[in-house]
Structure formats: structure tokens, C-alpha cells
Amino acid sequence: MTPTTGRLGRLLNLVPYLLSRPGIAVAEAAGDLGVTERQLREDLDLLWLCGLPGYGPGDLIDMALDGDRITITYDAGIDRPLRLTTDEAMALVVALRLLRQTPGMGHSEAVDRALAKLQRAAGADADAPVTVGSRGDNDRLEDLRGAVERRRALRIVYYTASRDETTERVVDPMRVLVTGGRAYLEAWCRRGRGVRLFRVDRVDACVETGEPAAVPAEAVPTDVRDGVFRPSDDLPLVTLRIGRGARWITEYYPCEVAEEQGEDWTVTLRATDLAWATRFVLGLGTDVEVLGPPELAGAVVAHTRAALANYPEEG
């Protein structure tokens, strides 16, 4: 699905959503819809320009903004949510089946009710054979789930993307969870002496050690309601000037927009370390300029020159 198609679907569902919740706060609506407050406000600005042919007074969608609260005053006939297509219903069925299989998942009754409704909507297609997987090796995910259920310690080979290194460690599994569309093993890491989240698709190998899992009493499950990464003040602060082509990072990373200068935005974000930030900036290409810290700018220049040195000079 292209970004434009995705936004169109969101806009068509936004009006009936707001109609059923007059006076809802922008922050609450953004949370329900899974978008940032900035994106929701941009969607609302676009809705002002949408409506019935003629596009004059009384034809366009209208709304009242009272402080931070939204009320639709004219819906231009868009008063009911869109019906799910068969493909959309099947996608939700598959996602709920995966969620239902996740160990330790709460509110299973609500999932079962939603699944039953979607299966009725999908009709006969809901019974089609579907392989439910996650972003990782399915067999490995099953091995990790089995270790959690049997309460057995694991020896894993794990790739840490922020440091670009692969290490071997012994962990005591606590649970398998899915958040942000990815599966994680939460475990007590004996090497790090703390609770860690390991992305399943970065576990290169795992084997039970034969020992029972020994999770210390002080090990507390991670609160992932606000995401896996929670920036703190002790992490490096990165300041970037980004062009239109890189604005998407503000939707996927905890950024703050400090300034808007025409097409360019100045944003700040916390990075796990400068090595990760270097790879992140390099991946954005020419749509980004590093404003700080100087160490990051220097690292980006050094890596760029090293990459260019691998190409022969023309002429």
C-alpha cells in the first residue's frame, strides 16, 4: 500500500470516527488512530478541503475546534465507516491468530470476540489455510516459546544492531511478546545481569542448556505500552536538518521538531549510541544534514569517504 493510499483510507474513516466521538481531544484521537498528533492535525487540515461537488460553502466537510477538542459539524455524507474488504479482514484474522498464540497475552476473551466477528465478515475465506508467522524464523520462535513454557535456560547467539556485533550469551526466558509488529524474547541476561528484550529475527541460534531457568526475584517485565525504546536524558542527543524525503522519521522515531524552515525541518532525537546514529544518518542519504554533535558529523564524513574510496575515479 502506498502512503497516499494509506492516507486516503485513514481520511475516509476519520470522519465517522469523529462523528461518534464529538469533542474528543486531539491527543486521544491520535492515540486511537495510531498516528502522531502532528499527522492527525495535517489530516484535519486536508479534510477542510474535501466535500461534495461544487466545493463551495455548505459542500465541504466542516468541523469545530474548541481548544484541543474536535467536533464534526458537517460530514458531507461520510457518516459510516468503510466496510472491510476480504483481504483486509483476512489480514486482521491472521494478526489476531498470531496474537492469540502469544504466551502470556492478556484479554484473550476480547481477542476471541473480535476474531469471531472478523471470521464472519471474511466468510468462507476465513477457513483458507494460512501460515501465521512473524518477522523472524518461525521454527526459532516456536523454540523460544517452548523454552518459556518449559522454563528452561537458553544459550543464544544474538546480533546487536546498535553495535553491529554478534555475541553468545546464556539467558533465562521470561516471556515471548509481540509489539510494534515484531516478536521479542524477554529474558534475564546472565551476561548483562538484567532484563533484556531480544528481537526474535536477530536470534541467529538458540539451544536449551539443560538447566532450569533461574529468573531472579528482582526481574520485572518491561512495560512496552509506549514502545520498546524509551529515550532518556543520558543518551546522546542528535540534532538533524531533514528535507521532505526524510520527514518520515518523525513518524517512526521519538523525534521533536525544533524548527521548520520551508521544506526543511530541524529535529532532535536521542540515540542509543553514536555508532547507531551514524548508520541511521547514512541511510537517509542526501535528505539529512547533521547539526550536532560534532562527533557524529565527523563519523558520517569518515564513513562516507571510506565508502567513496572503494569506487574508482572517473576519467
C-alpha atoms as a PDB file:
ATOM      1  CA  MET A   1       0.000   0.000   0.000  1.00  0.00           C
ATOM      2  CA  THR A   2       1.411   3.405  -0.948  1.00  0.00           C
ATOM      3  CA  PRO A   3       1.494   6.257   1.631  1.00  0.00           C
ATOM      4  CA  THR A   4      -1.174   8.097  -0.417  1.00  0.00           C
ATOM      5  CA  THR A   5      -3.491   5.069  -0.458  1.00  0.00           C
ATOM      6  CA  GLY A   6      -2.998   4.541   3.258  1.00  0.00           C
ATOM      7  CA  ARG A   7      -3.793   8.159   3.997  1.00  0.00           C
ATOM      8  CA  LEU A   8      -6.944   8.065   1.850  1.00  0.00           C
ATOM      9  CA  GLY A   9      -8.274   5.114   3.830  1.00  0.00           C
ATOM     10  CA  ARG A  10      -7.473   6.895   7.076  1.00  0.00           C
ATOM     11  CA  LEU A  11      -9.257  10.074   5.965  1.00  0.00           C
ATOM     12  CA  LEU A  12     -12.377   8.182   4.879  1.00  0.00           C
ATOM     13  CA  ASN A  13     -12.589   6.518   8.289  1.00  0.00           C
ATOM     14  CA  LEU A  14     -11.656   9.650  10.226  1.00  0.00           C
ATOM     15  CA  VAL A  15     -14.971  11.454   9.678  1.00  0.00           C
ATOM     16  CA  PRO A  16     -17.269   8.687  11.029  1.00  0.00           C
ATOM     17  CA  TYR A  17     -14.808   8.113  13.878  1.00  0.00           C
ATOM     18  CA  LEU A  18     -15.011  11.778  14.921  1.00  0.00           C
ATOM     19  CA  LEU A  19     -18.802  11.853  14.399  1.00  0.00           C
ATOM     20  CA  SER A  20     -19.195   9.122  17.005  1.00  0.00           C
ATOM     21  CA  ARG A  21     -16.936  10.976  19.465  1.00  0.00           C
ATOM     22  CA  PRO A  22     -17.890  14.679  19.434  1.00  0.00           C
ATOM     23  CA  GLY A  23     -15.490  16.836  21.404  1.00  0.00           C
ATOM     24  CA  ILE A  24     -12.705  14.238  21.515  1.00  0.00           C
ATOM     25  CA  ALA A  25      -9.226  15.547  22.346  1.00  0.00           C
ATOM     26  CA  VAL A  26      -6.600  15.561  19.594  1.00  0.00           C
ATOM     27  CA  ALA A  27      -4.187  13.503  21.711  1.00  0.00           C
ATOM     28  CA  GLU A  28      -6.808  10.823  22.433  1.00  0.00           C
ATOM     29  CA  ALA A  29      -7.893  10.613  18.788  1.00  0.00           C
ATOM     30  CA  ALA A  30      -4.294  10.330  17.605  1.00  0.00           C
ATOM     31  CA  GLY A  31      -3.691   7.508  20.070  1.00  0.00           C
ATOM     32  CA  ASP A  32      -6.806   5.629  18.944  1.00  0.00           C
ATOM     33  CA  LEU A  33      -5.905   6.018  15.276  1.00  0.00           C
ATOM     34  CA  GLY A  34      -2.251   5.086  15.693  1.00  0.00           C
ATOM     35  CA  VAL A  35      -0.826   8.345  14.317  1.00  0.00           C
ATOM     36  CA  THR A  36       1.050  11.272  15.803  1.00  0.00           C
ATOM     37  CA  GLU A  37      -0.758  14.451  16.801  1.00  0.00           C
ATOM     38  CA  ARG A  38       1.117  16.246  14.005  1.00  0.00           C
ATOM     39  CA  GLN A  39      -0.154  13.770  11.399  1.00  0.00           C
ATOM     40  CA  LEU A  40      -3.719  14.000  12.727  1.00  0.00           C
ATOM     41  CA  ARG A  41      -3.658  17.787  12.508  1.00  0.00           C
ATOM     42  CA  GLU A  42      -2.374  17.545   8.919  1.00  0.00           C
ATOM     43  CA  ASP A  43      -5.234  15.143   8.129  1.00  0.00           C
ATOM     44  CA  LEU A  44      -7.747  17.564   9.642  1.00  0.00           C
ATOM     45  CA  ASP A  45      -6.317  20.428   7.566  1.00  0.00           C
ATOM     46  CA  LEU A  46      -6.843  18.305   4.437  1.00  0.00           C
ATOM     47  CA  LEU A  47     -10.420  17.405   5.428  1.00  0.00           C
ATOM     48  CA  TRP A  48     -11.335  21.099   5.348  1.00  0.00           C
ATOM     49  CA  LEU A  49     -10.791  20.925   1.560  1.00  0.00           C
ATOM     50  CA  CYS A  50     -12.861  17.767   0.967  1.00  0.00           C
ATOM     51  CA  GLY A  51     -16.577  17.502   0.305  1.00  0.00           C
ATOM     52  CA  LEU A  52     -19.294  17.334  -2.333  1.00  0.00           C
ATOM     53  CA  PRO A  53     -19.002  18.513  -5.969  1.00  0.00           C
ATOM     54  CA  GLY A  54     -19.331  22.245  -6.145  1.00  0.00           C
ATOM     55  CA  TYR A  55     -16.861  22.631  -3.308  1.00  0.00           C
ATOM     56  CA  GLY A  56     -18.454  25.819  -2.110  1.00  0.00           C
ATOM     57  CA  PRO A  57     -19.921  26.884   1.234  1.00  0.00           C
ATOM     58  CA  GLY A  58     -22.094  24.089   2.574  1.00  0.00           C
ATOM     59  CA  ASP A  59     -20.399  21.476   0.384  1.00  0.00           C
ATOM     60  CA  LEU A  60     -17.125  20.944   2.239  1.00  0.00           C
ATOM     61  CA  ILE A  61     -16.599  18.913   5.395  1.00  0.00           C
ATOM     62  CA  ASP A  62     -16.722  21.245   8.374  1.00  0.00           C
ATOM     63  CA  MET A  63     -15.657  20.910  11.968  1.00  0.00           C
ATOM     64  CA  ALA A  64     -15.364  22.931  15.141  1.00  0.00           C
ATOM     65  CA  LEU A  65     -12.096  23.110  17.054  1.00  0.00           C
ATOM     66  CA  ASP A  66     -12.574  24.141  20.668  1.00  0.00           C
ATOM     67  CA  GLY A  67      -9.096  24.404  22.089  1.00  0.00           C
ATOM     68  CA  ASP A  68      -7.718  20.899  21.635  1.00  0.00           C
ATOM     69  CA  ARG A  69     -11.085  19.228  21.003  1.00  0.00           C
ATOM     70  CA  ILE A  70     -12.663  18.305  17.657  1.00  0.00           C
ATOM     71  CA  THR A  71     -16.338  18.105  16.642  1.00  0.00           C
ATOM     72  CA  ILE A  72     -17.563  17.374  13.095  1.00  0.00           C
ATOM     73  CA  THR A  73     -20.370  19.804  12.199  1.00  0.00           C
ATOM     74  CA  TYR A  74     -20.902  18.678   8.567  1.00  0.00           C
ATOM     75  CA  ASP A  75     -19.903  15.227   7.313  1.00  0.00           C
ATOM     76  CA  ALA A  76     -20.672  15.567   3.563  1.00  0.00           C
ATOM     77  CA  GLY A  77     -22.329  12.152   3.662  1.00  0.00           C
ATOM     78  CA  ILE A  78     -19.325  10.262   5.054  1.00  0.00           C
ATOM     79  CA  ASP A  79     -21.155   9.104   8.158  1.00  0.00           C
ATOM     80  CA  ARG A  80     -20.348   5.379   8.204  1.00  0.00           C
ATOM     81  CA  PRO A  81     -17.006   3.553   8.438  1.00  0.00           C
ATOM     82  CA  LEU A  82     -15.780   1.726   5.344  1.00  0.00           C
ATOM     83  CA  ARG A  83     -16.523  -1.984   5.138  1.00  0.00           C
ATOM     84  CA  LEU A  84     -13.512  -4.253   5.271  1.00  0.00           C
ATOM     85  CA  THR A  85     -12.515  -5.923   2.035  1.00  0.00           C
ATOM     86  CA  THR A  86     -11.932  -9.678   2.156  1.00  0.00           C
ATOM     87  CA  ASP A  87      -8.162  -9.128   2.041  1.00  0.00           C
ATOM     88  CA  GLU A  88      -8.316  -6.609   4.896  1.00  0.00           C
ATOM     89  CA  ALA A  89     -10.471  -8.937   7.009  1.00  0.00           C
ATOM     90  CA  MET A  90      -8.091 -11.842   6.363  1.00  0.00           C
ATOM     91  CA  ALA A  91      -5.080  -9.704   7.319  1.00  0.00           C
ATOM     92  CA  LEU A  92      -6.727  -8.914  10.662  1.00  0.00           C
ATOM     93  CA  VAL A  93      -7.698 -12.570  11.163  1.00  0.00           C
ATOM     94  CA  VAL A  94      -4.080 -13.640  10.657  1.00  0.00           C
ATOM     95  CA  ALA A  95      -2.805 -10.926  13.023  1.00  0.00           C
ATOM     96  CA  LEU A  96      -5.290 -11.893  15.743  1.00  0.00           C
ATOM     97  CA  ARG A  97      -4.458 -15.579  15.397  1.00  0.00           C
ATOM     98  CA  LEU A  98      -0.788 -14.740  15.916  1.00  0.00           C
ATOM     99  CA  LEU A  99      -1.646 -12.544  18.895  1.00  0.00           C
ATOM    100  CA  ARG A 100      -3.827 -15.289  20.370  1.00  0.00           C
ATOM    101  CA  GLN A 101      -0.880 -17.710  20.284  1.00  0.00           C
ATOM    102  CA  THR A 102       1.471 -15.369  22.139  1.00  0.00           C
ATOM    103  CA  PRO A 103       2.282 -16.733  25.625  1.00  0.00           C
ATOM    104  CA  GLY A 104       1.169 -14.541  28.495  1.00  0.00           C
ATOM    105  CA  MET A 105      -1.227 -12.473  26.408  1.00  0.00           C
ATOM    106  CA  GLY A 106      -3.993 -10.859  28.429  1.00  0.00           C
ATOM    107  CA  HIS A 107      -7.581 -10.025  27.363  1.00  0.00           C
ATOM    108  CA  SER A 108      -7.865 -13.237  25.348  1.00  0.00           C
ATOM    109  CA  GLU A 109     -11.666 -13.092  25.537  1.00  0.00           C
ATOM    110  CA  ALA A 110     -11.687  -9.743  23.712  1.00  0.00           C
ATOM    111  CA  VAL A 111      -9.383 -11.172  21.046  1.00  0.00           C
ATOM    112  CA  ASP A 112     -11.661 -14.196  20.616  1.00  0.00           C
ATOM    113  CA  ARG A 113     -14.731 -11.967  20.191  1.00  0.00           C
ATOM    114  CA  ALA A 114     -13.005  -9.775  17.617  1.00  0.00           C
ATOM    115  CA  LEU A 115     -11.693 -12.839  15.799  1.00  0.00           C
ATOM    116  CA  ALA A 116     -15.182 -14.363  15.603  1.00  0.00           C
ATOM    117  CA  LYS A 117     -16.617 -11.152  14.102  1.00  0.00           C
ATOM    118  CA  LEU A 118     -13.851 -10.919  11.522  1.00  0.00           C
ATOM    119  CA  GLN A 119     -14.200 -14.570  10.551  1.00  0.00           C
ATOM    120  CA  ARG A 120     -17.896 -13.994   9.906  1.00  0.00           C
ATOM    121  CA  ALA A 121     -17.029 -10.947   7.788  1.00  0.00           C
ATOM    122  CA  ALA A 122     -14.424 -12.876   5.791  1.00  0.00           C
ATOM    123  CA  GLY A 123     -16.879 -15.722   5.157  1.00  0.00           C
ATOM    124  CA  ALA A 124     -15.534 -18.903   3.584  1.00  0.00           C
ATOM    125  CA  ASP A 125     -12.114 -17.286   3.041  1.00  0.00           C
ATOM    126  CA  ALA A 126     -11.535 -17.326   6.806  1.00  0.00           C
ATOM    127  CA  ASP A 127     -11.159 -21.116   6.626  1.00  0.00           C
ATOM    128  CA  ALA A 128      -8.452 -20.960   3.947  1.00  0.00           C
ATOM    129  CA  PRO A 129      -5.098 -22.404   5.068  1.00  0.00           C
ATOM    130  CA  VAL A 130      -2.861 -19.578   6.246  1.00  0.00           C
ATOM    131  CA  THR A 131       0.637 -19.822   7.680  1.00  0.00           C
ATOM    132  CA  VAL A 132       0.799 -17.495  10.649  1.00  0.00           C
ATOM    133  CA  GLY A 133       4.305 -16.202  11.203  1.00  0.00           C
ATOM    134  CA  SER A 134       6.232 -13.225  12.478  1.00  0.00           C
ATOM    135  CA  ARG A 135       9.214 -11.252  11.303  1.00  0.00           C
ATOM    136  CA  GLY A 136      11.676 -13.965  12.125  1.00  0.00           C
ATOM    137  CA  ASP A 137      12.207 -17.624  11.688  1.00  0.00           C
ATOM    138  CA  ASN A 138       9.010 -19.492  12.641  1.00  0.00           C
ATOM    139  CA  ASP A 139      10.886 -22.528  13.952  1.00  0.00           C
ATOM    140  CA  ARG A 140      13.068 -20.322  16.153  1.00  0.00           C
ATOM    141  CA  LEU A 141      10.014 -18.564  17.515  1.00  0.00           C
ATOM    142  CA  GLU A 142       8.500 -21.916  18.436  1.00  0.00           C
ATOM    143  CA  ASP A 143      11.771 -22.961  20.124  1.00  0.00           C
ATOM    144  CA  LEU A 144      11.736 -19.795  22.216  1.00  0.00           C
ATOM    145  CA  ARG A 145       8.087 -20.246  23.153  1.00  0.00           C
ATOM    146  CA  GLY A 146       8.817 -23.832  24.150  1.00  0.00           C
ATOM    147  CA  ALA A 147      11.678 -22.738  26.410  1.00  0.00           C
ATOM    148  CA  VAL A 148       9.385 -20.202  28.096  1.00  0.00           C
ATOM    149  CA  GLU A 149       6.695 -22.821  28.688  1.00  0.00           C
ATOM    150  CA  ARG A 150       9.198 -25.425  29.952  1.00  0.00           C
ATOM    151  CA  ARG A 151      11.103 -22.809  31.979  1.00  0.00           C
ATOM    152  CA  ARG A 152      14.474 -23.822  30.577  1.00  0.00           C
ATOM    153  CA  ALA A 153      17.602 -21.665  30.258  1.00  0.00           C
ATOM    154  CA  LEU A 154      18.848 -20.907  26.742  1.00  0.00           C
ATOM    155  CA  ARG A 155      22.201 -20.275  25.101  1.00  0.00           C
ATOM    156  CA  ILE A 156      21.593 -17.829  22.250  1.00  0.00           C
ATOM    157  CA  VAL A 157      23.674 -16.235  19.522  1.00  0.00           C
ATOM    158  CA  TYR A 158      22.355 -12.699  19.125  1.00  0.00           C
ATOM    159  CA  TYR A 159      23.052  -9.845  16.719  1.00  0.00           C
ATOM    160  CA  THR A 160      23.035  -6.381  18.338  1.00  0.00           C
ATOM    161  CA  ALA A 161      22.296  -3.895  15.568  1.00  0.00           C
ATOM    162  CA  SER A 162      23.230  -0.786  17.575  1.00  0.00           C
ATOM    163  CA  ARG A 163      26.810  -2.091  17.961  1.00  0.00           C
ATOM    164  CA  ASP A 164      26.869  -4.173  14.771  1.00  0.00           C
ATOM    165  CA  GLU A 165      28.154  -7.204  16.684  1.00  0.00           C
ATOM    166  CA  THR A 166      27.143 -10.804  17.325  1.00  0.00           C
ATOM    167  CA  THR A 167      27.541 -12.284  20.802  1.00  0.00           C
ATOM    168  CA  GLU A 168      26.765 -15.518  22.625  1.00  0.00           C
ATOM    169  CA  ARG A 169      25.024 -15.389  25.980  1.00  0.00           C
ATOM    170  CA  VAL A 170      23.000 -17.513  28.402  1.00  0.00           C
ATOM    171  CA  VAL A 171      19.532 -16.206  29.239  1.00  0.00           C
ATOM    172  CA  ASP A 172      16.646 -17.224  31.474  1.00  0.00           C
ATOM    173  CA  PRO A 173      13.436 -16.797  29.415  1.00  0.00           C
ATOM    174  CA  MET A 174      10.505 -14.880  30.917  1.00  0.00           C
ATOM    175  CA  ARG A 175       8.028 -14.467  28.035  1.00  0.00           C
ATOM    176  CA  VAL A 176       7.585 -14.003  24.290  1.00  0.00           C
ATOM    177  CA  LEU A 177       5.708 -10.878  23.260  1.00  0.00           C
ATOM    178  CA  VAL A 178       4.740  -9.026  20.098  1.00  0.00           C
ATOM    179  CA  THR A 179       4.919  -5.237  19.965  1.00  0.00           C
ATOM    180  CA  GLY A 180       5.316  -2.819  17.092  1.00  0.00           C
ATOM    181  CA  GLY A 181       4.790  -5.669  14.642  1.00  0.00           C
ATOM    182  CA  ARG A 182       7.847  -7.599  15.895  1.00  0.00           C
ATOM    183  CA  ALA A 183       8.287 -10.602  18.173  1.00  0.00           C
ATOM    184  CA  TYR A 184      10.638 -10.392  21.167  1.00  0.00           C
ATOM    185  CA  LEU A 185      12.014 -12.762  23.774  1.00  0.00           C
ATOM    186  CA  GLU A 186      12.135 -11.119  27.187  1.00  0.00           C
ATOM    187  CA  ALA A 187      14.685 -12.794  29.414  1.00  0.00           C
ATOM    188  CA  TRP A 188      17.137 -12.323  32.267  1.00  0.00           C
ATOM    189  CA  CYS A 189      20.561 -11.971  30.646  1.00  0.00           C
ATOM    190  CA  ARG A 190      23.247 -13.556  32.825  1.00  0.00           C
ATOM    191  CA  ARG A 191      25.953 -11.686  30.954  1.00  0.00           C
ATOM    192  CA  GLY A 192      24.328  -8.271  31.348  1.00  0.00           C
ATOM    193  CA  ARG A 193      22.779  -9.116  34.731  1.00  0.00           C
ATOM    194  CA  GLY A 194      19.467  -7.551  33.823  1.00  0.00           C
ATOM    195  CA  VAL A 195      16.188  -7.981  31.952  1.00  0.00           C
ATOM    196  CA  ARG A 196      16.657  -7.684  28.189  1.00  0.00           C
ATOM    197  CA  LEU A 197      14.407  -7.766  25.128  1.00  0.00           C
ATOM    198  CA  PHE A 198      15.831  -9.816  22.246  1.00  0.00           C
ATOM    199  CA  ARG A 199      14.296  -9.398  18.805  1.00  0.00           C
ATOM    200  CA  VAL A 200      13.440 -12.873  17.552  1.00  0.00           C
ATOM    201  CA  ASP A 201      14.601 -12.173  13.997  1.00  0.00           C
ATOM    202  CA  ARG A 202      18.051 -11.284  15.386  1.00  0.00           C
ATOM    203  CA  VAL A 203      18.470 -14.530  17.327  1.00  0.00           C
ATOM    204  CA  ASP A 204      20.824 -16.425  14.999  1.00  0.00           C
ATOM    205  CA  ALA A 205      20.795 -19.628  17.078  1.00  0.00           C
ATOM    206  CA  CYS A 206      19.361 -20.945  20.332  1.00  0.00           C
ATOM    207  CA  VAL A 207      19.694 -24.179  22.294  1.00  0.00           C
ATOM    208  CA  GLU A 208      18.497 -25.234  25.726  1.00  0.00           C
ATOM    209  CA  THR A 209      21.356 -25.585  28.210  1.00  0.00           C
ATOM    210  CA  GLY A 210      19.664 -28.330  30.221  1.00  0.00           C
ATOM    211  CA  GLU A 211      19.360 -26.042  33.253  1.00  0.00           C
ATOM    212  CA  PRO A 212      16.078 -24.722  34.623  1.00  0.00           C
ATOM    213  CA  ALA A 213      15.518 -21.021  34.041  1.00  0.00           C
ATOM    214  CA  ALA A 214      16.585 -19.045  37.117  1.00  0.00           C
ATOM    215  CA  VAL A 215      14.905 -15.661  36.833  1.00  0.00           C
ATOM    216  CA  PRO A 216      15.832 -13.531  39.893  1.00  0.00           C
ATOM    217  CA  ALA A 217      13.053 -12.184  42.069  1.00  0.00           C
ATOM    218  CA  GLU A 218      14.030  -8.612  41.186  1.00  0.00           C
ATOM    219  CA  ALA A 219      13.468  -9.198  37.446  1.00  0.00           C
ATOM    220  CA  VAL A 220      10.466  -7.096  36.394  1.00  0.00           C
ATOM    221  CA  PRO A 221       8.774  -7.435  32.963  1.00  0.00           C
ATOM    222  CA  THR A 222       9.337  -4.464  30.666  1.00  0.00           C
ATOM    223  CA  ASP A 223       6.439  -2.051  30.160  1.00  0.00           C
ATOM    224  CA  VAL A 224       6.174  -1.876  26.358  1.00  0.00           C
ATOM    225  CA  ARG A 225       2.902   0.051  26.115  1.00  0.00           C
ATOM    226  CA  ASP A 226       4.808   3.086  24.802  1.00  0.00           C
ATOM    227  CA  GLY A 227       7.182   1.059  22.651  1.00  0.00           C
ATOM    228  CA  VAL A 228      10.396  -0.841  23.205  1.00  0.00           C
ATOM    229  CA  PHE A 229      12.723   2.169  23.033  1.00  0.00           C
ATOM    230  CA  ARG A 230      12.310   4.788  25.735  1.00  0.00           C
ATOM    231  CA  PRO A 231      14.769   7.677  25.335  1.00  0.00           C
ATOM    232  CA  SER A 232      16.446   9.009  28.460  1.00  0.00           C
ATOM    233  CA  ASP A 233      18.434  12.168  29.131  1.00  0.00           C
ATOM    234  CA  ASP A 234      21.721  10.259  29.459  1.00  0.00           C
ATOM    235  CA  LEU A 235      21.612   9.102  25.809  1.00  0.00           C
ATOM    236  CA  PRO A 236      23.368  11.150  23.084  1.00  0.00           C
ATOM    237  CA  LEU A 237      21.206  13.986  21.740  1.00  0.00           C
ATOM    238  CA  VAL A 238      21.292  14.182  17.938  1.00  0.00           C
ATOM    239  CA  THR A 239      20.201  17.272  16.004  1.00  0.00           C
ATOM    240  CA  LEU A 240      19.429  16.924  12.297  1.00  0.00           C
ATOM    241  CA  ARG A 241      18.169  19.126   9.489  1.00  0.00           C
ATOM    242  CA  ILE A 242      15.972  16.955   7.281  1.00  0.00           C
ATOM    243  CA  GLY A 243      14.344  17.514   3.906  1.00  0.00           C
ATOM    244  CA  ARG A 244      10.889  16.438   2.794  1.00  0.00           C
ATOM    245  CA  GLY A 245      12.150  12.982   1.804  1.00  0.00           C
ATOM    246  CA  ALA A 246      13.272  12.230   5.369  1.00  0.00           C
ATOM    247  CA  ARG A 247      10.262  13.579   7.274  1.00  0.00           C
ATOM    248  CA  TRP A 248       9.015  10.025   7.701  1.00  0.00           C
ATOM    249  CA  ILE A 249      11.482   9.560  10.572  1.00  0.00           C
ATOM    250  CA  THR A 250       9.298  11.789  12.768  1.00  0.00           C
ATOM    251  CA  GLU A 251       6.535   9.179  12.437  1.00  0.00           C
ATOM    252  CA  TYR A 252       8.723   6.192  13.325  1.00  0.00           C
ATOM    253  CA  TYR A 253      11.216   7.576  15.856  1.00  0.00           C
ATOM    254  CA  PRO A 254      10.696   9.664  19.019  1.00  0.00           C
ATOM    255  CA  CYS A 255      11.740  12.967  17.438  1.00  0.00           C
ATOM    256  CA  GLU A 256      10.981  16.533  18.414  1.00  0.00           C
ATOM    257  CA  VAL A 257      10.627  19.116  15.653  1.00  0.00           C
ATOM    258  CA  ALA A 258      12.528  22.143  16.908  1.00  0.00           C
ATOM    259  CA  GLU A 259      12.114  24.375  13.853  1.00  0.00           C
ATOM    260  CA  GLU A 260      10.521  24.423  10.410  1.00  0.00           C
ATOM    261  CA  GLN A 261      12.278  26.365   7.652  1.00  0.00           C
ATOM    262  CA  GLY A 262      10.329  25.962   4.431  1.00  0.00           C
ATOM    263  CA  GLU A 263      10.839  22.413   3.184  1.00  0.00           C
ATOM    264  CA  ASP A 264      13.450  21.668   5.854  1.00  0.00           C
ATOM    265  CA  TRP A 265      12.809  20.668   9.453  1.00  0.00           C
ATOM    266  CA  THR A 266      15.249  20.733  12.342  1.00  0.00           C
ATOM    267  CA  VAL A 267      14.639  17.721  14.597  1.00  0.00           C
ATOM    268  CA  THR A 268      16.238  16.275  17.716  1.00  0.00           C
ATOM    269  CA  LEU A 269      16.216  12.697  18.950  1.00  0.00           C
ATOM    270  CA  ARG A 270      18.021  10.506  21.457  1.00  0.00           C
ATOM    271  CA  ALA A 271      20.207   7.734  20.037  1.00  0.00           C
ATOM    272  CA  THR A 272      21.284   4.540  21.769  1.00  0.00           C
ATOM    273  CA  ASP A 273      24.865   5.410  20.792  1.00  0.00           C
ATOM    274  CA  LEU A 274      26.757   7.294  18.092  1.00  0.00           C
ATOM    275  CA  ALA A 275      27.502   4.108  16.128  1.00  0.00           C
ATOM    276  CA  TRP A 276      23.766   3.541  15.634  1.00  0.00           C
ATOM    277  CA  ALA A 277      23.223   7.228  14.846  1.00  0.00           C
ATOM    278  CA  THR A 278      25.969   7.104  12.194  1.00  0.00           C
ATOM    279  CA  ARG A 279      24.333   4.210  10.358  1.00  0.00           C
ATOM    280  CA  PHE A 280      20.931   5.868  10.737  1.00  0.00           C
ATOM    281  CA  VAL A 281      22.123   9.134   9.162  1.00  0.00           C
ATOM    282  CA  LEU A 282      23.982   7.372   6.350  1.00  0.00           C
ATOM    283  CA  GLY A 283      20.779   5.531   5.469  1.00  0.00           C
ATOM    284  CA  LEU A 284      18.960   8.844   4.923  1.00  0.00           C
ATOM    285  CA  GLY A 285      21.340   9.897   2.146  1.00  0.00           C
ATOM    286  CA  THR A 286      21.219  13.474   0.910  1.00  0.00           C
ATOM    287  CA  ASP A 287      17.976  14.313   2.739  1.00  0.00           C
ATOM    288  CA  VAL A 288      19.773  14.944   6.029  1.00  0.00           C
ATOM    289  CA  GLU A 289      22.437  17.247   7.474  1.00  0.00           C
ATOM    290  CA  VAL A 290      23.992  16.625  10.903  1.00  0.00           C
ATOM    291  CA  LEU A 291      23.917  19.732  13.110  1.00  0.00           C
ATOM    292  CA  GLY A 292      25.231  18.000  16.210  1.00  0.00           C
ATOM    293  CA  PRO A 293      27.027  16.536  17.976  1.00  0.00           C
ATOM    294  CA  PRO A 294      30.333  17.190  16.131  1.00  0.00           C
ATOM    295  CA  GLU A 295      31.463  13.595  16.775  1.00  0.00           C
ATOM    296  CA  LEU A 296      28.510  12.305  14.770  1.00  0.00           C
ATOM    297  CA  ALA A 297      29.153  14.686  11.881  1.00  0.00           C
ATOM    298  CA  GLY A 298      32.794  13.577  11.807  1.00  0.00           C
ATOM    299  CA  ALA A 299      31.865   9.895  11.857  1.00  0.00           C
ATOM    300  CA  VAL A 300      29.402  10.349   8.981  1.00  0.00           C
ATOM    301  CA  VAL A 301      32.044  12.163   6.893  1.00  0.00           C
ATOM    302  CA  ALA A 302      34.650   9.469   7.633  1.00  0.00           C
ATOM    303  CA  HIS A 303      32.320   6.614   6.683  1.00  0.00           C
ATOM    304  CA  THR A 304      31.226   8.430   3.524  1.00  0.00           C
ATOM    305  CA  ARG A 305      34.824   8.982   2.421  1.00  0.00           C
ATOM    306  CA  ALA A 306      35.682   5.351   3.157  1.00  0.00           C
ATOM    307  CA  ALA A 307      32.760   4.207   1.025  1.00  0.00           C
ATOM    308  CA  LEU A 308      33.701   6.522  -1.851  1.00  0.00           C
ATOM    309  CA  ALA A 309      37.282   5.246  -1.737  1.00  0.00           C
ATOM    310  CA  ASN A 310      36.007   1.866  -2.923  1.00  0.00           C
ATOM    311  CA  TYR A 311      34.946   3.367  -6.252  1.00  0.00           C
ATOM    312  CA  PRO A 312      37.496   4.197  -8.954  1.00  0.00           C
ATOM    313  CA  GLU A 313      37.767   7.817 -10.005  1.00  0.00           C
ATOM    314  CA  GLU A 314      36.232   8.586 -13.382  1.00  0.00           C
ATOM    315  CA  GLY A 315      38.488   9.596 -16.207  1.00  0.00           C
END
